[in-house]
Protein backbone atom coordinates (compact mmCIF):
# COMPACT_ATOMS: atom_id res chain seq x y z
CA MET A 1 44.36 52.78 -19.40
CA THR A 2 46.63 52.13 -22.60
CA ALA A 3 49.87 54.03 -23.07
CA ALA A 4 49.76 57.34 -25.74
CA ARG A 5 52.83 56.06 -28.18
CA THR A 6 53.55 59.64 -29.94
CA LYS A 7 56.25 60.95 -29.75
CA ILE A 8 57.47 64.15 -28.07
CA ARG A 9 59.14 66.95 -30.04
CA SER A 10 62.58 68.95 -28.18
CA ALA A 11 63.02 72.59 -28.94
CA SER A 12 66.56 73.23 -30.70
CA THR A 13 68.51 76.28 -29.80
CA PRO A 14 70.34 78.08 -32.36
CA SER A 15 74.29 77.20 -32.32
CA ASN A 16 75.44 80.60 -33.14
CA ALA A 17 74.96 84.53 -32.94
CA SER A 18 73.79 84.94 -36.78
CA SER A 19 71.69 82.17 -36.21
CA ALA A 20 70.26 83.55 -33.17
CA THR A 21 69.57 87.34 -34.92
CA THR A 22 67.52 85.55 -37.58
CA ALA A 23 65.56 83.65 -35.25
CA SER A 24 64.87 86.61 -33.27
CA ALA A 25 63.93 88.31 -35.95
CA ALA A 26 61.76 85.88 -37.30
CA SER A 27 60.22 85.06 -34.03
CA ALA A 28 59.70 89.60 -33.48
CA ALA A 29 57.38 89.04 -36.65
CA GLN A 30 55.18 86.00 -35.69
CA ALA A 31 54.40 87.79 -32.40
CA GLY A 32 53.64 90.61 -34.36
CA ALA A 33 51.03 88.53 -36.60
CA ARG A 34 49.97 86.94 -33.25
CA ARG A 35 49.01 90.05 -32.05
CA SER A 36 47.39 90.65 -34.99
CA ARG A 37 44.87 87.82 -35.00
CA LEU A 38 43.90 88.22 -31.00
CA ALA A 39 43.35 91.93 -31.73
CA ALA A 40 40.86 90.52 -34.50
CA ALA A 41 40.18 87.31 -32.34
CA SER A 42 38.72 89.89 -29.30
CA GLU A 43 35.66 90.81 -31.21
CA PRO A 44 33.11 89.10 -33.54
CA PRO A 45 32.63 87.36 -36.20
CA ILE A 46 34.35 84.46 -34.90
CA ARG A 47 34.12 81.15 -36.65
CA PRO A 48 32.55 78.74 -33.91
CA GLY A 49 33.46 75.26 -33.60
CA PRO A 50 37.30 73.62 -33.69
CA GLY A 51 38.81 76.47 -36.07
CA THR A 52 40.24 78.28 -32.89
CA ALA A 53 42.35 81.87 -33.39
CA VAL A 54 45.66 81.11 -31.92
CA VAL A 55 47.71 83.79 -31.16
CA ALA A 56 50.59 84.46 -28.24
CA ILE A 57 51.65 88.02 -26.80
CA GLY A 58 53.95 88.95 -23.98
CA ALA A 59 51.70 90.11 -21.06
CA ALA A 60 52.54 91.65 -18.56
CA ASP A 61 56.20 90.46 -17.73
CA VAL A 62 55.31 86.69 -18.44
CA GLU A 63 57.35 85.22 -21.45
CA GLY A 64 55.25 83.23 -24.47
CA PHE A 65 51.93 84.12 -23.06
CA VAL A 66 49.67 82.06 -25.66
CA THR A 67 45.65 82.76 -26.20
CA LEU A 68 43.26 80.97 -27.50
CA ALA A 69 40.00 81.96 -28.56
CA ASN A 70 36.87 81.23 -30.48
CA VAL A 71 32.98 82.04 -30.59
CA HIS A 72 32.34 80.47 -27.20
CA LEU A 73 35.41 81.26 -25.23
CA ARG A 74 39.14 82.03 -24.69
CA LEU A 75 41.94 80.76 -22.81
CA ASP A 76 44.89 82.67 -21.77
CA VAL A 77 48.10 80.37 -21.02
CA ALA A 78 51.43 81.26 -19.37
CA PRO A 79 54.01 78.28 -20.66
CA SER A 80 56.89 79.49 -18.03
CA LEU A 81 54.77 79.22 -15.12
CA GLY A 82 54.21 75.72 -14.89
CA GLY A 83 52.45 76.06 -18.32
CA GLY A 84 49.30 77.23 -16.78
CA VAL A 85 45.67 78.92 -17.70
CA THR A 86 45.67 82.09 -16.20
CA ARG A 87 42.10 82.68 -17.16
CA PHE A 88 39.40 80.33 -19.00
CA ASP A 89 35.73 82.58 -19.60
CA TRP A 90 33.13 82.43 -21.50
CA ARG A 91 32.33 85.32 -24.13
CA HIS A 92 28.70 86.40 -24.39
CA GLU A 93 27.11 89.52 -25.96
CA GLY A 94 30.99 91.67 -25.80
CA ALA A 95 32.53 90.57 -22.37
CA LEU A 96 34.39 87.74 -20.86
CA VAL A 97 32.95 85.48 -17.77
CA PRO A 98 34.99 83.73 -15.95
CA ILE A 99 34.75 80.05 -15.07
CA PHE A 100 38.00 79.02 -13.61
CA ARG A 101 38.76 81.82 -10.65
CA PRO A 102 41.52 84.60 -13.11
CA CYS A 103 45.24 85.62 -12.52
CA CYS A 104 44.41 88.90 -13.22
CA GLU A 105 48.36 90.45 -13.09
CA PRO A 106 50.21 87.33 -13.30
CA ARG A 107 54.65 87.96 -12.95
CA PRO A 108 57.51 85.87 -13.48
CA HIS A 109 57.44 84.96 -10.36
CA THR A 110 53.10 84.32 -9.38
CA ASP A 111 52.83 81.49 -6.96
CA PRO A 112 51.23 78.73 -8.84
CA ASN A 113 48.38 78.67 -6.80
CA GLN A 114 46.86 82.33 -7.82
CA LEU A 115 47.04 80.33 -11.64
CA ALA A 116 43.59 79.47 -13.28
CA CYS A 117 44.91 76.07 -13.71
CA TYR A 118 48.04 73.87 -13.38
CA PRO A 119 49.29 70.57 -14.11
CA LEU A 120 49.31 67.57 -11.91
CA LEU A 121 52.96 65.04 -12.93
CA PRO A 122 54.14 63.00 -12.34
CA TYR A 123 52.26 62.73 -9.44
CA SER A 124 48.91 64.11 -7.68
CA ASN A 125 49.15 65.97 -4.14
CA ARG A 126 51.32 65.00 -0.99
CA ILE A 127 53.30 62.18 -0.57
CA GLY A 128 53.70 61.38 3.19
CA ASN A 129 57.73 61.82 4.51
CA GLY A 130 58.37 62.21 1.24
CA HIS A 131 59.16 58.17 1.01
CA PHE A 132 57.92 55.15 -0.60
CA GLN A 133 58.82 51.30 -1.33
CA PHE A 134 58.89 49.98 -4.87
CA SER A 135 60.15 46.93 -6.01
CA GLY A 136 61.63 46.17 -2.91
CA ARG A 137 63.42 49.40 -2.86
CA ALA A 138 63.48 52.83 -1.26
CA VAL A 139 62.49 55.25 -3.29
CA GLU A 140 62.94 59.92 -1.73
CA ILE A 141 60.80 61.91 -3.27
CA PRO A 142 62.54 65.95 -2.21
CA CYS A 143 60.27 68.04 -1.19
CA ASN A 144 59.85 70.97 -3.93
CA ARG A 145 58.49 73.98 -1.86
CA ALA A 146 60.15 75.93 1.20
CA ASP A 147 56.59 76.38 2.56
CA GLU A 148 55.75 72.59 2.27
CA PRO A 149 57.20 70.12 4.91
CA LEU A 150 56.04 67.49 2.01
CA PRO A 151 56.81 67.18 -2.10
CA LEU A 152 53.70 68.24 -3.64
CA HIS A 153 51.82 67.89 -6.86
CA GLY A 154 55.05 66.55 -8.58
CA ASP A 155 57.32 68.75 -11.06
CA GLY A 156 55.28 69.90 -13.76
CA TRP A 157 53.05 72.58 -11.94
CA LEU A 158 56.68 74.65 -10.98
CA GLY A 159 58.61 74.14 -13.87
CA ALA A 160 58.99 76.42 -17.30
CA TRP A 161 57.57 74.36 -20.92
CA ASN A 162 57.95 75.16 -23.94
CA VAL A 163 55.86 76.06 -26.80
CA GLU A 164 55.54 73.34 -29.16
CA GLU A 165 53.34 73.84 -31.26
CA GLU A 166 51.01 77.07 -31.90
CA ALA A 167 48.04 76.75 -35.23
CA THR A 168 44.13 75.20 -34.18
CA ARG A 169 45.94 74.40 -30.43
CA VAL A 170 48.93 74.60 -28.03
CA ARG A 171 51.29 72.41 -27.52
CA LEU A 172 54.01 73.03 -24.66
CA SER A 173 56.95 70.20 -23.47
CA LEU A 174 58.76 69.21 -20.42
CA ASP A 175 61.78 67.65 -20.55
CA ARG A 176 62.93 66.41 -16.85
CA ARG A 177 65.12 63.81 -18.12
CA ALA A 178 67.77 64.79 -15.51
CA GLY A 179 65.07 64.33 -12.78
CA GLU A 180 65.87 62.26 -9.96
CA PRO A 181 64.13 59.79 -8.82
CA TYR A 182 61.11 60.97 -11.91
CA SER A 183 63.06 61.03 -14.94
CA PHE A 184 60.60 62.18 -17.77
CA ARG A 185 59.46 64.19 -20.58
CA ALA A 186 56.23 65.41 -20.49
CA ALA A 187 52.99 67.74 -22.77
CA GLN A 188 50.48 69.33 -22.30
CA THR A 189 47.84 70.35 -25.15
CA TYR A 190 45.07 72.34 -24.79
CA ALA A 191 42.10 72.97 -27.64
CA LEU A 192 39.05 74.50 -28.00
CA GLU A 193 36.20 72.69 -29.57
CA ASP A 194 32.92 74.66 -29.65
CA ALA A 195 32.17 75.36 -26.16
CA THR A 196 34.45 72.27 -24.83
CA LEU A 197 37.78 73.27 -23.34
CA VAL A 198 40.34 70.33 -24.13
CA VAL A 199 43.58 69.69 -21.88
CA THR A 200 45.48 66.65 -22.68
CA LEU A 201 48.34 65.44 -20.67
CA ASP A 202 51.00 62.96 -21.63
CA ILE A 203 54.03 61.82 -19.88
CA GLU A 204 56.75 59.37 -20.60
CA ASN A 205 59.20 57.16 -18.43
CA THR A 206 63.20 58.24 -19.34
CA GLY A 207 64.46 56.42 -16.07
CA ASP A 208 66.16 53.23 -16.01
CA ASP A 209 63.91 52.21 -13.23
CA ALA A 210 60.69 52.04 -13.40
CA LEU A 211 58.47 53.97 -11.38
CA PRO A 212 54.30 54.90 -10.38
CA PHE A 213 53.10 57.29 -12.16
CA GLY A 214 50.20 59.09 -11.78
CA LEU A 215 48.61 62.64 -14.11
CA GLY A 216 45.56 65.11 -13.31
CA LEU A 217 44.86 68.18 -13.15
CA HIS A 218 44.58 71.39 -10.64
CA PRO A 219 41.68 74.04 -11.83
CA PHE A 220 40.63 76.97 -9.59
CA LEU A 221 36.50 77.42 -10.62
CA MET A 222 35.11 80.40 -9.70
CA ARG A 223 32.17 80.30 -6.57
CA ASP A 224 29.14 82.04 -6.11
CA ALA A 225 27.12 82.10 -2.88
CA ASP A 226 25.18 79.92 -4.94
CA THR A 227 27.66 77.75 -6.46
CA GLU A 228 26.13 74.01 -7.36
CA LEU A 229 28.03 70.56 -7.13
CA SER A 230 27.09 67.63 -8.49
CA ALA A 231 29.73 64.86 -8.24
CA ALA A 232 28.55 61.03 -7.69
CA ALA A 233 31.35 59.33 -6.24
CA GLY A 234 31.75 55.76 -4.39
CA GLY A 235 33.70 56.64 -0.98
CA LEU A 236 36.52 59.64 0.27
CA TRP A 237 39.73 58.89 2.08
CA LEU A 238 39.73 61.05 4.82
CA CYS A 239 42.36 62.39 6.20
CA GLY A 240 44.32 63.65 9.50
CA ASP A 241 45.89 67.08 10.47
CA ASP A 242 48.58 66.91 7.91
CA TRP A 243 46.07 66.14 4.60
CA LEU A 244 47.25 62.27 4.19
CA PRO A 245 44.55 59.63 4.13
CA VAL A 246 44.34 57.62 7.12
CA ARG A 247 40.91 55.79 6.69
CA HIS A 248 38.87 55.01 3.15
CA VAL A 249 34.63 55.37 3.97
CA SER A 250 31.38 55.59 2.49
CA ALA A 251 30.76 59.52 1.67
CA PRO A 252 28.87 60.86 4.14
CA SER A 253 25.07 62.22 2.97
CA ALA A 254 26.40 65.46 3.31
CA TRP A 255 29.51 65.22 0.41
CA GLN A 256 27.79 62.47 -1.98
CA PHE A 257 26.80 65.20 -4.92
CA GLY A 258 24.64 62.83 -6.63
CA VAL A 259 22.51 65.77 -7.62
CA ALA A 260 23.44 69.04 -7.67
CA TYR A 261 24.21 69.77 -4.40
CA PRO A 262 24.86 73.88 -3.08
CA MET A 263 28.69 73.58 -2.01
CA PRO A 264 29.84 72.33 1.95
CA ALA A 265 29.85 75.41 3.85
CA GLU A 266 32.50 74.01 6.33
CA MET A 267 36.50 72.91 4.46
CA VAL A 268 36.72 69.89 2.07
CA ASN A 269 39.83 68.56 1.09
CA ASN A 270 39.73 65.36 0.23
CA ALA A 271 40.31 61.85 -1.70
CA PHE A 272 36.97 61.02 -3.43
CA THR A 273 36.67 57.82 -5.15
CA GLY A 274 34.52 55.70 -7.63
CA TRP A 275 34.09 58.90 -9.29
CA SER A 276 31.87 58.28 -13.06
CA GLY A 277 34.34 60.33 -14.88
CA ARG A 278 31.69 63.06 -15.14
CA THR A 279 30.71 66.43 -12.86
CA SER A 280 28.71 69.08 -13.37
CA VAL A 281 28.85 72.77 -11.61
CA MET A 282 26.13 75.07 -11.33
CA TRP A 283 26.15 78.74 -11.49
CA PRO A 284 22.22 79.79 -10.82
CA ARG A 285 22.30 83.38 -10.95
CA ARG A 286 24.95 83.65 -14.09
CA ARG A 287 22.99 80.68 -16.33
CA LEU A 288 25.44 78.74 -16.64
CA SER A 289 26.68 75.42 -16.10
CA LEU A 290 30.05 73.71 -16.38
CA THR A 291 30.49 70.03 -17.39
CA ILE A 292 34.23 68.40 -16.42
CA ALA A 293 35.10 64.61 -17.66
CA ALA A 294 37.68 62.50 -17.38
CA ASP A 295 39.16 59.52 -17.83
CA THR A 296 40.18 59.42 -14.05
CA ASP A 297 38.39 57.54 -11.10
CA TYR A 298 39.10 59.88 -8.38
CA TYR A 299 39.05 63.69 -7.96
CA VAL A 300 40.15 66.03 -5.10
CA LEU A 301 37.44 68.49 -3.83
CA TYR A 302 39.40 71.05 -2.13
CA ALA A 303 36.69 73.78 -0.72
CA PRO A 304 38.30 76.46 1.95
CA PRO A 305 35.16 78.49 3.12
CA GLY A 306 34.61 82.05 2.64
CA GLN A 307 36.82 82.11 -0.60
CA ASP A 308 35.61 82.93 -4.04
CA PHE A 309 36.71 79.70 -5.56
CA PHE A 310 37.14 75.44 -5.39
CA CYS A 311 39.12 73.20 -6.50
CA PHE A 312 37.93 70.51 -8.74
CA GLU A 313 41.04 68.28 -9.84
CA PRO A 314 39.96 64.99 -11.92
CA VAL A 315 42.92 62.49 -10.69
CA ASP A 316 43.86 59.18 -11.66
CA HIS A 317 44.94 58.80 -7.78
CA PRO A 318 44.21 59.63 -4.72
CA ILE A 319 46.64 61.73 -2.07
CA ASN A 320 49.80 59.52 -1.05
CA ALA A 321 49.04 56.70 -3.56
CA VAL A 322 52.50 55.26 -2.71
CA ASN A 323 51.93 55.30 0.53
CA LEU A 324 48.43 53.14 0.72
CA PRO A 325 47.49 49.37 0.91
CA SER A 326 49.21 47.80 -1.99
CA GLY A 327 51.07 50.62 -3.19
CA GLY A 328 49.82 53.39 -5.75
CA GLU A 329 49.10 50.62 -8.73
CA ALA A 330 46.43 49.94 -6.44
CA HIS A 331 45.26 53.12 -6.01
CA GLY A 332 45.13 54.01 -9.96
CA MET A 333 48.78 54.93 -10.41
CA THR A 334 50.40 53.36 -13.51
CA VAL A 335 53.60 51.56 -13.37
CA LEU A 336 55.80 52.80 -16.34
CA ALA A 337 59.46 51.47 -17.01
CA LEU A 338 61.77 53.14 -19.25
CA GLY A 339 60.44 54.18 -22.87
CA GLU A 340 56.55 53.38 -21.82
CA ARG A 341 53.80 56.57 -21.74
CA LEU A 342 50.74 57.44 -20.26
CA SER A 343 48.00 60.05 -21.63
CA ARG A 344 44.72 61.49 -19.74
CA GLU A 345 42.35 64.07 -21.71
CA PHE A 346 40.37 66.52 -19.94
CA ARG A 347 37.21 68.18 -21.33
CA PHE A 348 35.38 71.14 -19.48
CA THR A 349 32.35 72.35 -21.44
CA VAL A 350 30.57 75.70 -20.97
CA GLU A 351 26.75 76.21 -21.65
CA ARG A 352 23.97 78.62 -20.51
CA THR A 353 21.03 77.39 -18.66
CA GLY A 354 17.48 78.06 -18.71
CA GLU A 355 14.58 78.38 -15.81
CA ALA A 356 12.70 75.29 -17.83
CA ALA A 357 16.09 73.25 -16.91
CA ARG A 358 16.60 74.43 -13.87
CA ARG A 359 12.96 73.42 -13.03
CA GLY A 360 13.38 70.03 -14.67
CA ARG A 361 16.41 69.37 -12.35
CA PRO A 362 15.82 67.81 -8.81
CA LYS A 363 15.60 70.19 -5.43
CA THR A 364 18.75 69.95 -3.75
CA ARG A 365 19.34 70.21 0.21
CA ALA A 366 20.10 73.18 1.61
CA GLY A 367 23.17 73.96 3.68
CA ALA A 368 25.27 70.58 4.03
CA LYS A 369 27.43 71.63 6.18
CA ALA A 370 27.94 68.02 8.53
CA ARG A 371 31.80 67.21 7.52
CA PRO A 372 33.31 63.90 8.70
CA ARG A 373 35.30 64.79 11.98
CA ALA A 374 38.99 63.39 10.87
CA ALA A 375 38.66 65.69 7.83
CA ALA A 376 40.41 68.28 9.57
CA ALA A 377 40.34 72.17 9.04
CA ARG A 378 43.82 73.46 7.24
């Protein structure tokens, strides 16, 4: 994958009280204008297509809350909460129908796992023992969550991002040049194009040493009793009790998802390989479908039983890729030297579905309950 080459701008801070006062007044005026635009955006008519309404408001106690809206979709983003999404909804007949599981009351200390979606960078999921070998040297990754024995999902989901652009899209930046061992700058961009949410992640290595980098997204999708998933993959990594991969196998019949399957009745928490980069989620009773497209070859499916959500995480590497045979580079990660960059794009397209379309689809299998023995319950 060719690395992106655009620069990430850094936010500046006023150096004296006068400029701070001026900036504060300007910010208040801008916030008022944005609130007015939000009020206008919440009611039709709204122009469809790329011309979206963008506003920033103070939602609850979360500073810098940002909303994107057009005739089809509404997206709420909280820059201070890992730059994550708090809501992603389909607009239908004056109502908001959730596509991602909403975080209804975001607060400054909301756990990221209560969000609707967050970024995964500079790596996805867990790193075994917080350690790996690269280019003849030992690389230590510190734990980043008090309740997790292993480092998880990198830095992006736990940081406060800066808002750099609010026009017809939202661009956020994160500066981790002081980080160890990963030193980087990152950006994520949200845009609405008709009925599609486009999310772009960019990362630049700012450290002296080359390291394997990876990117992904962690959306929490709504799960109804009749939710179906189509996500064909060639294989998957079986995992142990610590959720680290232990063996790669062909996807079992219950988890092949070559056509629209009901969600598995038992726990799934595995990395799937050989993904086509395109997935469909169907909610038949709601007559909605979601197409997920990404320039990655892997996804992680986390589907806990009895919950109203599941996670379909498009990623460019499997769990613990840096410790798999031949290292992260052999499993989708990209080695970046100082100044080199990596970019990934993720698209979420929502559509209404009708009975005629459903009759034309292959019949789904009922009760997909079997699962590989090595995929232990969380």
